[in-house]
């Protein structure tokens, strides 16, 4: 058993899923692994995510210290940029393996006709 922030997890796999679980967290992390992104950039890169969901997922990732949120107020308009923390960067090999597995699974199942941008 593992306890984080007064919540108990039955195994280390469930701890990992606390940080990257759900439909969108891993997708957000893939984009942030390529470099800092603004909120609107993430919205364009993930067009099927709702604004509410993106905001909630970013907030959770920030609360879990996986990403940093930096607000630039020097010049209007206000700009917010998201980057991976050092802790978040440790997820790169995990996300990379998930991505590789997804590619292989899609090719093996032959249900993918073509990759879209």
Protein backbone atom coordinates (compact mmCIF):
# COMPACT_ATOMS: atom_id res chain seq x y z
CA UNK A 1 0.00 0.00 0.00
CA UNK A 2 1.12 3.51 -0.81
CA UNK A 3 -0.19 6.75 0.65
CA UNK A 4 0.10 10.12 -1.07
CA UNK A 5 -1.67 13.22 0.25
CA UNK A 6 -3.73 11.08 2.65
CA UNK A 7 -5.00 8.87 -0.16
CA UNK A 8 -4.06 5.20 -0.17
CA UNK A 9 -3.21 3.31 -3.35
CA UNK A 10 -3.15 -0.52 -3.50
CA UNK A 11 -0.03 -0.79 -5.69
CA UNK A 12 2.66 1.21 -7.44
CA UNK A 13 0.78 0.97 -10.76
CA UNK A 14 -2.14 2.86 -9.23
CA UNK A 15 0.32 5.50 -8.00
CA UNK A 16 1.58 5.96 -11.57
CA UNK A 17 -1.98 6.22 -12.85
CA UNK A 18 -2.69 8.92 -10.25
CA UNK A 19 -0.24 11.11 -12.14
CA UNK A 20 -0.96 10.17 -15.77
CA UNK A 21 -4.34 8.43 -15.67
CA UNK A 22 -7.38 9.54 -17.58
CA UNK A 23 -7.98 10.31 -21.20
CA UNK A 24 -5.97 13.53 -21.50
CA UNK A 25 -3.06 13.78 -19.04
CA UNK A 26 -0.69 11.62 -21.08
CA UNK A 27 -1.64 13.51 -24.25
CA UNK A 28 -0.90 16.84 -22.56
CA UNK A 29 2.42 15.48 -21.30
CA UNK A 30 3.41 14.29 -24.79
CA UNK A 31 3.04 17.85 -26.06
CA UNK A 32 4.86 19.38 -23.09
CA UNK A 33 7.73 16.92 -23.55
CA UNK A 34 8.39 18.75 -26.84
CA UNK A 35 8.76 22.07 -25.02
CA UNK A 36 6.82 24.82 -23.23
CA UNK A 37 3.29 25.45 -24.43
CA UNK A 38 0.70 28.13 -23.85
CA UNK A 39 -2.89 27.20 -23.05
CA UNK A 40 -4.11 28.12 -26.54
CA UNK A 41 -1.32 26.09 -28.13
CA UNK A 42 -2.46 23.04 -26.19
CA UNK A 43 -6.08 23.68 -27.26
CA UNK A 44 -4.98 23.69 -30.91
CA UNK A 45 -2.81 20.60 -30.49
CA UNK A 46 -5.66 18.71 -28.79
CA UNK A 47 -8.73 19.96 -30.65
CA UNK A 48 -11.15 17.38 -29.21
CA UNK A 49 -10.54 18.32 -25.57
CA UNK A 50 -12.99 20.77 -24.01
CA UNK A 51 -11.71 23.96 -22.40
CA UNK A 52 -13.06 22.86 -19.03
CA UNK A 53 -11.35 19.48 -19.22
CA UNK A 54 -8.05 20.99 -20.34
CA UNK A 55 -8.17 23.49 -17.47
CA UNK A 56 -8.95 20.75 -14.93
CA UNK A 57 -6.26 18.41 -16.22
CA UNK A 58 -3.65 21.18 -16.21
CA UNK A 59 -4.65 22.12 -12.66
CA UNK A 60 -4.33 18.49 -11.50
CA UNK A 61 -0.94 18.10 -13.19
CA UNK A 62 0.21 21.31 -11.53
CA UNK A 63 -1.09 20.22 -8.10
CA UNK A 64 0.79 16.93 -8.54
CA UNK A 65 3.99 18.90 -9.34
CA UNK A 66 4.21 17.31 -12.80
CA UNK A 67 4.00 20.66 -14.62
CA UNK A 68 4.80 24.29 -13.87
CA UNK A 69 2.42 27.11 -14.69
CA UNK A 70 4.15 30.43 -15.25
CA UNK A 71 2.19 33.65 -15.66
CA UNK A 72 3.83 36.48 -17.62
CA UNK A 73 2.39 39.86 -16.69
CA UNK A 74 5.00 42.16 -18.22
CA UNK A 75 2.91 43.05 -21.23
CA UNK A 76 -0.74 42.69 -22.11
CA UNK A 77 -2.30 40.37 -22.86
CA UNK A 78 -1.58 38.10 -19.93
CA UNK A 79 0.32 34.98 -21.02
CA UNK A 80 0.44 31.63 -19.23
CA UNK A 81 3.00 29.00 -20.15
CA UNK A 82 3.18 25.38 -19.06
CA UNK A 83 6.36 23.34 -18.77
CA UNK A 84 7.33 20.01 -17.26
CA UNK A 85 8.90 20.06 -13.82
CA UNK A 86 12.00 17.96 -13.18
CA UNK A 87 9.64 15.43 -11.61
CA UNK A 88 7.41 15.59 -14.70
CA UNK A 89 10.40 14.96 -16.95
CA UNK A 90 10.92 11.62 -15.20
CA UNK A 91 7.67 10.50 -16.84
CA UNK A 92 9.18 10.83 -20.35
CA UNK A 93 10.28 7.17 -20.60
CA UNK A 94 6.87 5.99 -19.35
CA UNK A 95 4.97 8.18 -21.82
CA UNK A 96 7.38 7.14 -24.58
CA UNK A 97 6.67 3.46 -23.95
CA UNK A 98 2.91 4.07 -23.85
CA UNK A 99 3.21 5.87 -27.20
CA UNK A 100 5.30 3.09 -28.76
CA UNK A 101 2.85 0.47 -27.51
CA UNK A 102 -0.06 2.45 -28.98
CA UNK A 103 1.63 2.62 -32.38
CA UNK A 104 2.29 -1.13 -32.38
CA UNK A 105 -1.24 -1.92 -31.20
CA UNK A 106 -2.76 0.28 -33.92
CA UNK A 107 -0.60 -1.34 -36.61
CA UNK A 108 -1.24 -4.86 -35.33
CA UNK A 109 -4.99 -4.41 -35.11
CA UNK A 110 -5.04 -3.04 -38.67
CA UNK A 111 -7.90 -0.81 -37.62
CA UNK A 112 -5.97 2.32 -38.36
CA UNK A 113 -6.28 3.38 -41.99
CA UNK A 114 -4.03 6.41 -41.86
CA UNK A 115 -2.44 8.66 -39.31
CA UNK A 116 -3.97 12.11 -39.19
CA UNK A 117 -2.04 15.20 -38.15
